[in-house]
Amino acid sequence: MAEAQDPSSGLPCDKCGKPAKLSCPKCLELKLPREGGAFCSQECFKEAWGQHKKVHKLQQWLYVTNRGQGRTQSMPDFPWTGDLRPDLVSPRRSVPASIPLPEYAESSIPAKEQDSRQQTSAPVRSAKQIAGLRKACRIARGILDKGHAAIRPGVTTDEIDRVIHEATLAAGAYPSPLNYYSFPKSVCTSVNEVVCHGIPDKRPLQNGDIVNVDVTAFYKGFHGDLNETYVVGEVDAASKKLLKVTYECLERAIEAVKPGVRYRDLGKIISQHAQGNGFSVITTYCGHGIGDHFHCAPTIPHYHPNKAVGIMKEGQTFTIEPMINMGKARDVTWPDGWTSVTRDGSRSAQYEHTMVVTAEGCEVLTARLPTSPPLWWEVSDKQQQQQQQQPWAAEPTAQAAVVQQVESLPTVPVAKDAGKQQDQQAAVSSAEAEGVVRGMDATTTNGVHAQQE
């Protein structure tokens, strides 16, 4: 029989689609994703058992290989550059039929994105398109804040993925990273020496870690993209400086955005501030255009010199997302085909915002909210520790409440001289940007019974 679960979880019944109140006990025992193992009644659980029980054998925690297309029971052999190692990854989380899907959700290939003229020419968005993107970005901001609130020592990045996944579905959105070129999870979580595209896994976050959480939400035809790097427990001063300087790099770049500015100039602004503080700038990955496609033109390098083409125009939408290293700028990719790490094992940090160019500056569509959990320099060390010691419940807000909340917020324009008024998934490599830009009744369920908690 199925076990009772919190009705507010927002998960649909795997059999009929109604709100679920029960969970498959075998799925809970195996620590499988709650999606696909949730049911509204014992009757639905009984009817679904014949098919559902197959997932207990097929869906196992495994290591990822081949850019998300492969799985293996043993850790791949690799000359690891730092202390971090990959861990077991849970099965892909399911998405209910009620959620509108992006083109690649089933095939993994964004064919329309690849063939779009937006890959070579940065589009100027209409007011209607900007309004749609603004909604997606504000939903993404709320989702990221939920992920941030869950971070503390002992929490696995797989749990962060669950929080993000469920919050995204609760908002009526699709987690854009999921199955994009076969990426296996709903969010990127990059710990310590991971530059970007880290795959959530079974490893618990440890006191002293830093972790970047990169969220993108697909809502009513538009992708909203942002990320932030957080401290876990008590973090050393050098790592804190890295995070603060990386954030400042983003702020300074945003302040320069306005019509007529060359995209290539942002790299100089970022590089000067990062290098002036003893850090280096990753050159493999860039900011990118965004809208109805996850990645498109323009390409925005964060380093200097660079050969980015194009001049900013009012109505263009894109991300700025500098990746700053404590050591050298070189990176290498793990055998999973996604996880990019620093070649020297040093730590790396990143912050990202999505914005639209306005007549006098830009509007940061993913700006931090008054309700956003504070970043480390916004609170004292004692407050930070208290925040991460508090119990938390990752219950996704109902869709209507989320949409109402984000749509009632004011816009956040940034003029050229706005200074510090602003607070910044998947990053895209320069090669991709310039090329592709690119988961009861005992008599019928073999002894599995419904149990109330």
Protein backbone atom coordinates (compact mmCIF):
# COMPACT_ATOMS: atom_id res chain seq x y z
CA MET A 1 0.00 0.00 0.00
CA ALA A 2 1.09 3.56 -0.61
CA GLU A 3 2.28 5.78 2.22
CA ALA A 4 0.68 9.12 3.01
CA GLN A 5 2.50 12.24 1.87
CA ASP A 6 1.82 15.93 2.35
CA PRO A 7 -1.09 16.89 0.03
CA SER A 8 0.51 20.32 -0.42
CA SER A 9 3.44 18.77 -2.28
CA GLY A 10 1.73 19.70 -5.54
CA LEU A 11 2.59 16.42 -7.29
CA PRO A 12 0.04 14.82 -9.62
CA CYS A 13 -1.15 11.23 -9.33
CA ASP A 14 0.93 9.04 -11.64
CA LYS A 15 -2.26 7.21 -12.70
CA CYS A 16 -4.99 9.84 -13.12
CA GLY A 17 -3.27 13.22 -12.75
CA LYS A 18 -5.26 14.36 -9.70
CA PRO A 19 -3.43 15.89 -6.70
CA ALA A 20 -1.46 13.13 -4.98
CA LYS A 21 -1.77 12.20 -1.30
CA LEU A 22 0.18 8.93 -1.25
CA SER A 23 3.68 7.78 -2.16
CA CYS A 24 4.94 4.37 -3.24
CA PRO A 25 6.86 2.99 -0.22
CA LYS A 26 9.34 1.14 -2.43
CA CYS A 27 10.20 4.38 -4.23
CA LEU A 28 10.76 6.03 -0.85
CA GLU A 29 12.97 3.13 0.27
CA LEU A 30 15.06 3.38 -2.90
CA LYS A 31 15.13 7.18 -2.61
CA LEU A 32 13.73 7.56 -6.11
CA PRO A 33 12.26 10.92 -7.21
CA ARG A 34 8.80 11.51 -5.76
CA GLU A 35 7.43 12.30 -9.23
CA GLY A 36 6.19 9.11 -10.87
CA GLY A 37 5.66 7.45 -7.49
CA ALA A 38 2.82 9.63 -6.21
CA PHE A 39 -0.84 8.59 -6.18
CA CYS A 40 -4.16 10.11 -5.17
CA SER A 41 -5.68 6.89 -3.77
CA GLN A 42 -5.06 3.24 -3.04
CA GLU A 43 -7.21 2.39 -6.05
CA CYS A 44 -4.94 4.28 -8.44
CA PHE A 45 -1.87 2.74 -6.80
CA LYS A 46 -3.39 -0.74 -7.20
CA GLU A 47 -4.24 -0.19 -10.86
CA ALA A 48 -0.82 1.29 -11.66
CA TRP A 49 1.23 -1.28 -9.74
CA GLY A 50 1.79 -3.72 -12.61
CA GLN A 51 3.54 -1.04 -14.66
CA HIS A 52 4.86 1.13 -11.85
CA LYS A 53 6.88 -1.62 -10.13
CA LYS A 54 9.17 -1.78 -13.17
CA VAL A 55 10.73 1.55 -12.24
CA HIS A 56 12.15 -0.01 -9.08
CA LYS A 57 14.54 -2.07 -11.22
CA LEU A 58 15.09 0.36 -14.06
CA GLN A 59 15.46 3.60 -12.15
CA GLN A 60 18.63 3.42 -10.09
CA TRP A 61 21.15 5.95 -8.86
CA LEU A 62 24.10 5.80 -11.28
CA TYR A 63 27.06 7.86 -12.49
CA VAL A 64 26.42 9.95 -15.59
CA THR A 65 28.45 9.62 -18.80
CA ASN A 66 28.30 10.79 -22.42
CA ARG A 67 26.72 14.21 -21.84
CA GLY A 68 23.80 12.68 -19.95
CA GLN A 69 23.06 9.94 -22.45
CA GLY A 70 24.91 7.18 -20.57
CA ARG A 71 24.90 5.69 -17.06
CA THR A 72 27.37 3.47 -15.24
CA GLN A 73 27.53 1.82 -11.80
CA SER A 74 31.18 2.68 -11.22
CA MET A 75 32.91 6.05 -11.04
CA PRO A 76 34.73 6.80 -14.30
CA ASP A 77 38.51 6.95 -14.23
CA PHE A 78 39.73 10.52 -14.62
CA PRO A 79 42.62 12.76 -13.49
CA TRP A 80 40.49 14.79 -11.08
CA THR A 81 41.81 18.31 -10.68
CA GLY A 82 40.57 19.05 -7.15
CA ASP A 83 39.05 17.36 -4.09
CA LEU A 84 35.55 17.08 -5.55
CA ARG A 85 34.37 13.81 -7.12
CA PRO A 86 31.17 12.95 -8.95
CA ASP A 87 28.59 10.98 -6.99
CA LEU A 88 25.56 8.89 -7.89
CA VAL A 89 22.81 10.69 -9.79
CA SER A 90 19.11 9.97 -9.32
CA PRO A 91 16.78 9.14 -12.23
CA ARG A 92 15.41 11.92 -14.35
CA ARG A 93 12.46 13.65 -12.73
CA SER A 94 9.11 13.54 -14.49
CA VAL A 95 6.97 16.44 -15.67
CA PRO A 96 3.14 16.22 -15.68
CA ALA A 97 1.24 16.50 -18.93
CA SER A 98 -0.28 19.80 -17.80
CA ILE A 99 3.08 21.63 -18.13
CA PRO A 100 3.82 23.12 -21.59
CA LEU A 101 7.10 21.69 -22.90
CA PRO A 102 9.95 23.30 -24.83
CA GLU A 103 10.79 21.68 -28.16
CA TYR A 104 13.66 19.56 -26.81
CA ALA A 105 11.89 18.12 -23.73
CA GLU A 106 11.41 14.71 -25.34
CA SER A 107 13.99 14.59 -28.14
CA SER A 108 16.79 16.43 -26.26
CA ILE A 109 17.61 18.37 -29.44
CA PRO A 110 16.46 22.02 -29.80
CA ALA A 111 16.19 21.77 -33.58
CA LYS A 112 14.24 25.00 -34.05
CA GLU A 113 16.74 26.84 -31.87
CA GLN A 114 19.61 25.48 -33.95
CA ASP A 115 18.01 26.54 -37.23
CA SER A 116 16.74 29.93 -36.08
CA ARG A 117 17.98 33.16 -37.62
CA GLN A 118 18.38 34.31 -34.01
CA GLN A 119 21.65 32.36 -33.93
CA THR A 120 23.34 34.85 -36.22
CA SER A 121 21.39 38.06 -35.62
CA ALA A 122 20.33 39.27 -32.17
CA PRO A 123 16.60 40.00 -32.37
CA VAL A 124 14.92 43.15 -31.09
CA ARG A 125 11.99 41.99 -28.98
CA SER A 126 8.50 43.44 -29.16
CA ALA A 127 6.80 44.83 -26.06
CA LYS A 128 4.65 41.68 -25.91
CA GLN A 129 7.71 39.43 -26.09
CA ILE A 130 9.50 41.41 -23.39
CA ALA A 131 6.45 41.12 -21.15
CA GLY A 132 6.46 37.34 -21.64
CA LEU A 133 10.17 37.11 -20.89
CA ARG A 134 9.75 39.32 -17.83
CA LYS A 135 7.19 36.89 -16.37
CA ALA A 136 9.46 33.90 -17.02
CA CYS A 137 12.39 35.69 -15.39
CA ARG A 138 10.45 36.65 -12.29
CA ILE A 139 9.23 33.10 -11.88
CA ALA A 140 12.82 31.90 -12.27
CA ARG A 141 13.92 34.38 -9.59
CA GLY A 142 11.36 33.02 -7.14
CA ILE A 143 12.46 29.47 -7.90
CA LEU A 144 16.14 30.26 -7.34
CA ASP A 145 15.32 31.89 -4.02
CA LYS A 146 13.64 28.64 -2.92
CA GLY A 147 16.78 26.76 -3.83
CA HIS A 148 18.92 29.26 -1.93
CA ALA A 149 16.77 28.84 1.19
CA ALA A 150 17.41 25.09 1.13
CA ILE A 151 21.22 25.35 1.16
CA ARG A 152 23.02 24.24 4.30
CA PRO A 153 25.60 21.62 5.33
CA GLY A 154 24.28 18.08 4.87
CA VAL A 155 21.81 18.86 2.10
CA THR A 156 22.61 17.04 -1.15
CA THR A 157 22.62 18.82 -4.48
CA ASP A 158 20.06 16.20 -5.58
CA GLU A 159 17.78 17.61 -2.89
CA ILE A 160 18.38 21.10 -4.26
CA ASP A 161 17.38 19.72 -7.66
CA ARG A 162 14.16 18.35 -6.16
CA VAL A 163 13.33 21.68 -4.57
CA ILE A 164 13.94 23.52 -7.84
CA HIS A 165 12.05 20.96 -9.91
CA GLU A 166 8.96 20.98 -7.70
CA ALA A 167 8.92 24.77 -7.35
CA THR A 168 9.18 25.11 -11.13
CA LEU A 169 6.25 22.78 -11.75
CA ALA A 170 4.22 24.53 -9.04
CA ALA A 171 4.65 27.78 -10.98
CA GLY A 172 3.34 26.14 -14.15
CA ALA A 173 6.79 26.25 -15.74
CA TYR A 174 9.25 23.71 -17.16
CA PRO A 175 12.84 23.45 -15.84
CA SER A 176 14.73 24.44 -19.00
CA PRO A 177 17.95 22.47 -18.31
CA LEU A 178 16.05 19.15 -18.12
CA ASN A 179 16.97 17.09 -21.23
CA TYR A 180 18.46 20.09 -23.03
CA TYR A 181 21.08 18.28 -25.10
CA SER A 182 20.38 15.36 -22.69
CA PHE A 183 21.30 17.27 -19.49
CA PRO A 184 19.87 14.86 -16.87
CA LYS A 185 18.58 17.20 -14.15
CA SER A 186 16.43 20.29 -13.64
CA VAL A 187 19.13 22.67 -12.39
CA CYS A 188 22.90 23.05 -12.55
CA THR A 189 24.69 22.92 -9.18
CA SER A 190 28.39 23.76 -9.32
CA VAL A 191 30.40 23.13 -6.15
CA ASN A 192 33.87 24.53 -5.32
CA GLU A 193 36.13 23.97 -8.36
CA VAL A 194 33.19 23.40 -10.71
CA VAL A 195 32.98 26.31 -13.14
CA CYS A 196 29.51 25.56 -14.50
CA HIS A 197 27.05 22.82 -15.57
CA GLY A 198 27.51 20.69 -12.44
CA ILE A 199 25.04 17.80 -12.27
CA PRO A 200 23.10 17.47 -8.98
CA ASP A 201 24.01 14.22 -7.20
CA LYS A 202 24.07 12.33 -3.91
CA ARG A 203 26.99 14.25 -2.36
CA PRO A 204 25.94 16.30 0.69
CA LEU A 205 27.09 19.90 0.80
CA GLN A 206 29.84 20.34 3.38
CA ASN A 207 30.66 23.14 5.77
CA GLY A 208 33.01 25.49 3.91
CA ASP A 209 31.76 24.68 0.40
CA ILE A 210 30.61 27.25 -2.12
CA VAL A 211 27.86 26.25 -4.54
CA ASN A 212 26.41 27.91 -7.61
CA VAL A 213 22.76 27.24 -8.42
CA ASP A 214 21.81 27.96 -12.03
CA VAL A 215 18.06 28.11 -12.71
CA THR A 216 16.23 28.54 -15.98
CA ALA A 217 12.43 28.36 -16.22
CA PHE A 218 10.42 27.97 -19.43
CA TYR A 219 7.10 29.73 -18.97
CA LYS A 220 4.52 30.39 -21.68
CA GLY A 221 7.09 30.23 -24.45
CA PHE A 222 9.99 32.10 -22.83
CA HIS A 223 13.10 31.12 -20.86
CA GLY A 224 14.15 33.10 -17.76
CA ASP A 225 17.77 32.44 -16.76
CA LEU A 226 19.82 33.41 -13.67
CA ASN A 227 22.28 32.01 -11.18
CA GLU A 228 24.01 32.84 -7.91
CA THR A 229 26.85 31.37 -5.86
CA TYR A 230 26.29 30.77 -2.15
CA VAL A 231 28.37 29.94 0.91
CA VAL A 232 27.67 26.74 2.85
CA GLY A 233 28.19 27.20 6.57
CA GLU A 234 31.49 28.84 7.55
CA VAL A 235 33.55 29.67 4.45
CA ASP A 236 37.13 30.96 4.31
CA ALA A 237 37.85 34.63 3.61
CA ALA A 238 39.48 33.99 0.22
CA SER A 239 36.37 32.24 -1.08
CA LYS A 240 34.15 35.01 0.24
CA LYS A 241 36.26 37.55 -1.58
CA LEU A 242 35.95 35.52 -4.78
CA LEU A 243 32.16 35.56 -4.54
CA LYS A 244 31.97 39.28 -3.79
CA VAL A 245 34.34 40.26 -6.61
CA THR A 246 32.48 38.03 -9.08
CA TYR A 247 29.22 39.72 -8.13
CA GLU A 248 30.84 43.13 -8.54
CA CYS A 249 32.04 42.10 -12.01
CA LEU A 250 28.45 41.44 -12.98
CA GLU A 251 27.23 44.70 -11.45
CA ARG A 252 29.83 46.75 -13.29
CA ALA A 253 29.00 45.10 -16.60
CA ILE A 254 25.29 45.74 -16.12
CA GLU A 255 25.94 49.41 -15.39
CA ALA A 256 27.52 49.74 -18.84
CA VAL A 257 24.59 48.27 -20.77
CA LYS A 258 22.76 50.76 -22.98
CA PRO A 259 22.05 51.30 -26.69
CA GLY A 260 25.19 51.84 -28.75
CA VAL A 261 27.60 49.94 -26.50
CA ARG A 262 29.62 47.18 -28.17
CA TYR A 263 29.06 43.74 -26.70
CA ARG A 264 32.80 43.11 -26.71
CA ASP A 265 33.33 46.01 -24.29
CA LEU A 266 31.70 44.16 -21.39
CA GLY A 267 34.60 41.72 -21.33
CA LYS A 268 37.06 44.50 -20.67
CA ILE A 269 35.03 45.83 -17.74
CA ILE A 270 34.77 42.38 -16.18
CA SER A 271 38.40 41.41 -16.78
CA GLN A 272 39.81 44.60 -15.32
CA HIS A 273 37.92 44.18 -12.05
CA ALA A 274 38.58 40.44 -11.74
CA GLN A 275 42.27 40.62 -12.58
CA GLY A 276 42.70 43.72 -10.46
CA ASN A 277 41.66 41.60 -7.48
CA GLY A 278 43.98 38.72 -8.34
CA PHE A 279 41.47 36.49 -10.09
CA SER A 280 41.10 35.17 -13.65
CA VAL A 281 38.19 35.02 -16.10
CA ILE A 282 37.00 31.84 -17.82
CA THR A 283 37.16 32.15 -21.61
CA THR A 284 35.37 28.91 -22.57
CA TYR A 285 31.85 30.04 -21.71
CA CYS A 286 29.94 33.23 -22.51
CA GLY A 287 26.72 35.09 -21.87
CA HIS A 288 24.05 34.65 -24.53
CA GLY A 289 20.86 35.93 -26.04
CA ILE A 290 17.67 34.49 -24.62
CA GLY A 291 13.93 34.63 -25.18
CA ASP A 292 11.81 32.06 -26.96
CA HIS A 293 15.07 30.10 -27.40
CA PHE A 294 17.28 29.05 -24.49
CA HIS A 295 20.43 30.24 -26.27
CA CYS A 296 20.78 32.56 -29.26
CA ALA A 297 22.66 35.66 -30.39
CA PRO A 298 24.29 37.81 -29.13
CA THR A 299 27.38 36.11 -27.74
CA ILE A 300 28.81 37.97 -24.74
CA PRO A 301 32.39 37.07 -23.73
CA HIS A 302 33.38 38.04 -20.21
CA TYR A 303 37.10 38.25 -21.02
CA HIS A 304 39.31 40.75 -22.83
CA PRO A 305 40.30 40.98 -25.59
CA ASN A 306 37.52 39.24 -27.51
CA LYS A 307 35.99 39.31 -30.97
CA ALA A 308 32.30 39.55 -30.11
CA VAL A 309 30.29 41.30 -32.80
CA GLY A 310 27.34 43.61 -32.43
CA ILE A 311 26.19 46.82 -30.83
CA MET A 312 23.44 46.92 -28.22
CA LYS A 313 19.99 47.99 -29.37
CA GLU A 314 16.89 48.80 -27.37
CA GLY A 315 14.76 45.66 -27.03
CA GLN A 316 17.58 43.12 -27.21
CA THR A 317 17.60 40.52 -24.43
CA PHE A 318 20.57 38.56 -23.12
CA THR A 319 22.44 37.24 -20.10
CA ILE A 320 25.69 38.35 -18.51
CA GLU A 321 27.18 35.57 -16.38
CA PRO A 322 30.91 35.91 -15.61
CA MET A 323 32.75 32.87 -14.29
CA ILE A 324 35.72 33.97 -12.18
CA ASN A 325 38.48 31.66 -10.93
CA MET A 326 40.65 31.92 -7.85
CA GLY A 327 43.52 30.41 -9.85
CA LYS A 328 44.20 30.23 -13.56
CA ALA A 329 41.53 30.58 -16.23
CA ARG A 330 41.89 27.15 -17.81
CA ASP A 331 39.14 24.53 -17.44
CA VAL A 332 38.51 20.87 -18.27
CA THR A 333 35.33 18.78 -18.53
CA TRP A 334 34.55 15.67 -16.47
CA PRO A 335 33.65 12.32 -18.11
CA ASP A 336 29.95 13.12 -17.71
CA GLY A 337 30.41 15.54 -20.60
CA TRP A 338 28.88 18.48 -18.73
CA THR A 339 30.73 19.33 -15.53
CA SER A 340 33.38 21.96 -16.23
CA VAL A 341 36.06 22.31 -13.55
CA THR A 342 39.15 24.46 -13.12
CA ARG A 343 42.24 22.72 -14.44
CA ASP A 344 44.27 23.67 -11.36
CA GLY A 345 41.54 22.68 -8.89
CA SER A 346 41.02 26.25 -7.65
CA ARG A 347 37.56 27.51 -6.75
CA SER A 348 35.31 29.26 -9.24
CA ALA A 349 32.27 31.52 -8.77
CA GLN A 350 29.55 32.87 -11.04
CA TYR A 351 26.54 35.18 -10.99
CA GLU A 352 24.05 35.72 -13.80
CA HIS A 353 21.18 38.00 -14.75
CA THR A 354 18.89 38.22 -17.75
CA MET A 355 18.21 41.76 -18.98
CA VAL A 356 16.62 43.81 -21.73
CA VAL A 357 18.22 46.92 -23.22
CA THR A 358 16.08 50.03 -22.65
CA ALA A 359 16.30 53.54 -24.08
CA GLU A 360 18.70 54.74 -21.38
CA GLY A 361 20.18 51.58 -19.90
CA CYS A 362 18.68 48.20 -19.17
CA GLU A 363 16.03 46.46 -17.10
CA VAL A 364 17.32 43.51 -15.07
CA LEU A 365 14.53 41.00 -15.50
CA THR A 366 15.88 38.61 -12.86
CA ALA A 367 16.70 41.24 -10.22
CA ARG A 368 16.80 40.23 -6.57
CA LEU A 369 13.59 40.80 -4.62
CA PRO A 370 13.03 42.23 -1.14
CA THR A 371 12.13 38.66 -0.14
CA SER A 372 15.28 37.08 -1.63
CA PRO A 373 17.51 35.39 0.98
CA PRO A 374 20.56 37.59 1.60
CA LEU A 375 23.96 36.95 0.04
CA TRP A 376 26.87 36.47 2.43
CA TRP A 377 28.04 40.10 2.48
CA GLU A 378 24.51 41.31 3.20
CA VAL A 379 24.45 39.64 6.63
CA SER A 380 26.88 39.03 9.48
CA ASP A 381 28.61 35.67 9.89
CA LYS A 382 26.39 34.95 12.90
CA GLN A 383 23.21 35.68 10.96
CA GLN A 384 24.45 33.49 8.10
CA GLN A 385 25.02 30.56 10.48
CA GLN A 386 21.61 31.04 12.10
CA GLN A 387 19.95 31.14 8.69
CA GLN A 388 21.49 27.81 7.66
CA GLN A 389 20.71 26.19 11.01
CA GLN A 390 16.99 26.91 10.78
CA PRO A 391 14.73 24.02 9.71
CA TRP A 392 13.24 24.52 6.29
CA ALA A 393 10.37 23.08 4.26
CA ALA A 394 10.64 23.08 0.50
CA GLU A 395 6.94 23.18 -0.24
CA PRO A 396 6.29 24.72 -3.66
CA THR A 397 3.84 27.58 -3.76
CA ALA A 398 0.64 27.01 -5.66
CA GLN A 399 0.82 28.10 -9.29
CA ALA A 400 -1.73 30.89 -9.00
CA ALA A 401 0.02 32.38 -5.98
CA VAL A 402 3.42 32.31 -7.67
CA VAL A 403 2.16 33.96 -10.84
CA GLN A 404 0.20 36.57 -8.91
CA GLN A 405 3.25 37.39 -6.79
CA VAL A 406 5.69 37.86 -9.66
CA GLU A 407 3.25 39.76 -11.87
CA SER A 408 2.55 42.28 -9.12
CA LEU A 409 6.20 43.29 -8.74
CA PRO A 410 7.50 46.56 -10.24
CA THR A 411 9.99 46.56 -13.09
CA VAL A 412 13.64 47.24 -12.25
CA PRO A 413 15.20 49.53 -14.85
CA VAL A 414 18.91 50.28 -14.79
CA ALA A 415 20.13 53.54 -16.23
CA LYS A 416 23.75 54.15 -17.14
CA ASP A 417 24.45 55.81 -13.78
CA ALA A 418 22.35 53.47 -11.62
CA GLY A 419 25.44 52.40 -9.72
CA LYS A 420 24.80 49.80 -7.06
CA GLN A 421 21.02 49.72 -7.41
CA GLN A 422 21.14 46.22 -8.96
CA ASP A 423 21.71 42.91 -7.47
CA GLN A 424 22.93 39.22 -11.01
CA GLN A 425 21.80 27.70 -17.13
CA ALA A 426 23.25 27.19 -18.25
CA ALA A 427 26.22 29.12 -19.44
CA VAL A 428 26.98 28.51 -23.07
CA SER A 429 30.46 27.97 -24.41
CA SER A 430 31.85 30.41 -26.93
CA ALA A 431 32.03 27.58 -29.43
CA GLU A 432 28.36 26.75 -28.91
CA ALA A 433 27.32 30.39 -28.92
CA GLU A 434 29.08 31.07 -32.20
CA GLY A 435 28.12 27.74 -33.75
CA VAL A 436 24.80 26.26 -32.70
CA VAL A 437 23.87 29.55 -30.91
CA ARG A 438 24.04 26.22 -30.17
CA GLY A 439 11.09 9.90 -14.87
CA MET A 440 -2.61 -0.91 -2.28
CA ASP A 441 -3.97 -3.96 -1.84
CA ALA A 442 -1.82 -6.82 -0.58
CA THR A 443 -3.59 -9.37 -2.74
CA THR A 444 -2.71 -7.57 -6.00
CA THR A 445 0.57 -5.80 -5.22
CA ASN A 446 2.79 -8.60 -3.95
CA GLY A 447 2.70 -7.43 -0.37
CA VAL A 448 3.10 -3.70 -0.91
CA HIS A 449 0.52 -2.03 1.33
CA ALA A 450 -0.83 1.46 1.81
CA GLN A 451 0.29 2.87 5.13
CA GLN A 452 -0.59 6.11 6.80
CA GLU A 453 2.25 8.14 8.32
